[in-house]
Amino acid sequence: MPDAHLRQVAMRYYDALNAADDDALARLVTLACQHHVGGCSLDHAAFRQSLVAYRAGFASLCTRVEHLLTENDCVATRTVTSGVHTAPFLGHPATRRAFSAGGSDFLRIEHGRIAEVWSVFDTFGMLRQLGITGETAS
């Protein structure tokens, strides 16, 4: 698959995430898509449920792609996700604080659709900025 097409699929994925467009996300992934996050493997339905929790807890949730590379059938991205903690999240009341935390995703594309996603996210950095860890942001 040409690099330009891989890039297009990846960017449509992030556009759908940012727009909270679950229908577009469903069209972009294979039926058996696996999301590997934090040592867990989630099917697409479980991944969508995790998105619901994030969206409920944060206003203006946005993931920006800082860097994107392609090789064979894979896309690697370096991202920055930001938002404002406006509702309960992970059992913590809203702090009204903003966060901006880095992450990386690796997407495997199969026949023009995403078949697997491996995600790494600076959850501790996000929680620290929100004042949830007991440490304060510097």
Protein backbone atom coordinates (compact mmCIF):
# COMPACT_ATOMS: atom_id res chain seq x y z
CA MET A 1 0.00 0.00 0.00
CA PRO A 2 1.46 3.41 -0.92
CA ASP A 3 2.74 5.59 1.93
CA ALA A 4 0.29 8.36 1.03
CA HIS A 5 -2.66 6.00 1.51
CA LEU A 6 -1.31 4.75 4.86
CA ARG A 7 -0.93 8.36 6.02
CA GLN A 8 -4.47 9.16 4.89
CA VAL A 9 -5.94 6.21 6.83
CA ALA A 10 -4.01 7.21 9.96
CA MET A 11 -5.04 10.86 9.77
CA ARG A 12 -8.70 9.91 9.21
CA TYR A 13 -8.42 7.78 12.38
CA TYR A 14 -7.22 10.77 14.44
CA ASP A 15 -9.81 13.05 12.82
CA ALA A 16 -12.55 10.58 13.84
CA LEU A 17 -11.15 10.33 17.39
CA ASN A 18 -11.09 14.12 17.74
CA ALA A 19 -14.60 14.50 16.31
CA ALA A 20 -15.93 11.71 18.57
CA ASP A 21 -17.25 10.13 15.37
CA ASP A 22 -17.70 6.49 16.37
CA ASP A 23 -19.33 5.63 13.04
CA ALA A 24 -16.26 6.85 11.15
CA LEU A 25 -14.00 4.93 13.56
CA ALA A 26 -15.99 1.76 12.92
CA ARG A 27 -15.54 2.20 9.16
CA LEU A 28 -11.78 2.70 9.56
CA VAL A 29 -11.06 -0.50 11.51
CA THR A 30 -11.41 -4.17 10.64
CA LEU A 31 -14.06 -6.24 12.43
CA ALA A 32 -11.30 -8.03 14.36
CA CYS A 33 -9.29 -4.89 15.17
CA GLN A 34 -7.31 -5.16 18.41
CA HIS A 35 -6.24 -2.15 20.47
CA HIS A 36 -3.22 -2.86 22.68
CA VAL A 37 -3.19 -0.28 25.47
CA GLY A 38 -1.36 -0.38 28.80
CA GLY A 39 -0.65 -4.10 28.66
CA CYS A 40 -4.25 -4.99 27.72
CA SER A 41 -5.73 -6.04 24.41
CA LEU A 42 -9.18 -4.66 23.68
CA ASP A 43 -11.51 -5.41 20.81
CA HIS A 44 -12.95 -2.37 19.08
CA ALA A 45 -16.15 -2.39 21.16
CA ALA A 46 -14.16 -2.32 24.43
CA PHE A 47 -11.89 0.41 23.03
CA ARG A 48 -14.95 2.51 22.19
CA GLN A 49 -16.16 2.10 25.79
CA SER A 50 -12.82 3.45 27.05
CA LEU A 51 -13.26 6.44 24.73
CA VAL A 52 -16.68 7.09 26.27
CA ALA A 53 -15.05 7.37 29.72
CA TYR A 54 -12.39 9.79 28.47
CA ARG A 55 -14.92 11.91 26.59
CA ALA A 56 -17.20 12.06 29.64
CA GLY A 57 -14.37 13.24 31.90
CA PHE A 58 -12.70 15.77 29.63
CA ALA A 59 -13.83 18.76 27.58
CA SER A 60 -11.94 19.77 24.47
CA LEU A 61 -10.23 16.37 24.26
CA CYS A 62 -7.91 16.50 21.25
CA THR A 63 -5.04 14.39 19.93
CA ARG A 64 -2.58 16.18 17.67
CA VAL A 65 -0.18 14.23 15.46
CA GLU A 66 3.32 15.68 15.84
CA HIS A 67 5.21 13.15 13.74
CA LEU A 68 4.15 10.33 11.42
CA LEU A 69 6.25 7.60 9.78
CA THR A 70 5.22 4.72 7.53
CA GLU A 71 6.90 1.41 6.79
CA ASN A 72 5.39 -1.53 4.93
CA ASP A 73 1.85 -1.86 6.33
CA CYS A 74 2.45 0.16 9.52
CA VAL A 75 2.12 3.78 10.58
CA ALA A 76 3.95 5.13 13.64
CA THR A 77 2.86 8.41 15.20
CA ARG A 78 4.07 10.64 18.00
CA THR A 79 1.10 12.48 19.46
CA VAL A 80 0.12 15.06 22.05
CA THR A 81 -3.29 14.73 23.68
CA SER A 82 -4.84 17.60 25.60
CA GLY A 83 -8.06 18.38 27.38
CA VAL A 84 -9.67 19.91 30.46
CA HIS A 85 -10.84 17.69 33.34
CA THR A 86 -14.48 18.79 33.66
CA ALA A 87 -16.24 15.71 35.08
CA PRO A 88 -15.39 12.67 37.22
CA PHE A 89 -12.69 10.41 35.76
CA LEU A 90 -11.20 7.23 37.26
CA GLY A 91 -13.13 7.95 40.45
CA HIS A 92 -11.69 11.45 40.83
CA PRO A 93 -13.90 14.56 40.82
CA ALA A 94 -13.31 17.20 38.17
CA THR A 95 -10.27 19.36 38.86
CA ARG A 96 -10.99 21.90 36.09
CA ARG A 97 -7.30 21.63 35.20
CA ALA A 98 -5.93 21.28 31.68
CA PHE A 99 -3.42 18.64 30.66
CA SER A 100 -1.18 18.00 27.68
CA ALA A 101 0.55 14.60 27.49
CA GLY A 102 2.55 12.76 24.89
CA GLY A 103 1.94 9.39 23.35
CA SER A 104 2.84 7.09 20.51
CA ASP A 105 0.69 4.85 18.37
CA PHE A 106 1.57 2.11 15.93
CA LEU A 107 -1.21 1.23 13.50
CA ARG A 108 -1.13 -1.86 11.28
CA ILE A 109 -3.16 -1.33 8.12
CA GLU A 110 -4.74 -4.27 6.32
CA HIS A 111 -6.61 -3.78 3.03
CA GLY A 112 -7.04 -0.07 3.73
CA ARG A 113 -8.37 -0.51 7.28
CA ILE A 114 -6.73 -0.53 10.68
CA ALA A 115 -6.27 -4.09 11.95
CA GLU A 116 -4.22 -3.40 15.08
CA VAL A 117 -3.26 -0.42 17.22
CA TRP A 118 -0.50 -0.36 19.86
CA SER A 119 -0.73 2.73 22.07
CA VAL A 120 1.58 4.18 24.69
CA PHE A 121 0.39 7.25 26.61
CA ASP A 122 1.89 9.30 29.43
CA THR A 123 -0.97 8.64 31.84
CA PHE A 124 1.14 9.55 34.87
CA GLY A 125 2.04 12.90 33.29
CA MET A 126 -1.65 13.57 32.64
CA LEU A 127 -2.65 12.66 36.21
CA ARG A 128 0.22 14.74 37.65
CA GLN A 129 -0.94 17.80 35.69
CA LEU A 130 -4.47 17.24 36.98
CA GLY A 131 -3.18 17.08 40.56
CA ILE A 132 -4.48 13.55 41.03
CA THR A 133 -1.17 11.80 41.87
CA GLY A 134 -0.30 13.83 44.94
CA GLU A 135 2.56 15.46 43.04
CA THR A 136 2.20 18.87 41.48
CA ALA A 137 3.05 19.76 37.91
CA SER A 138 6.27 21.70 37.52
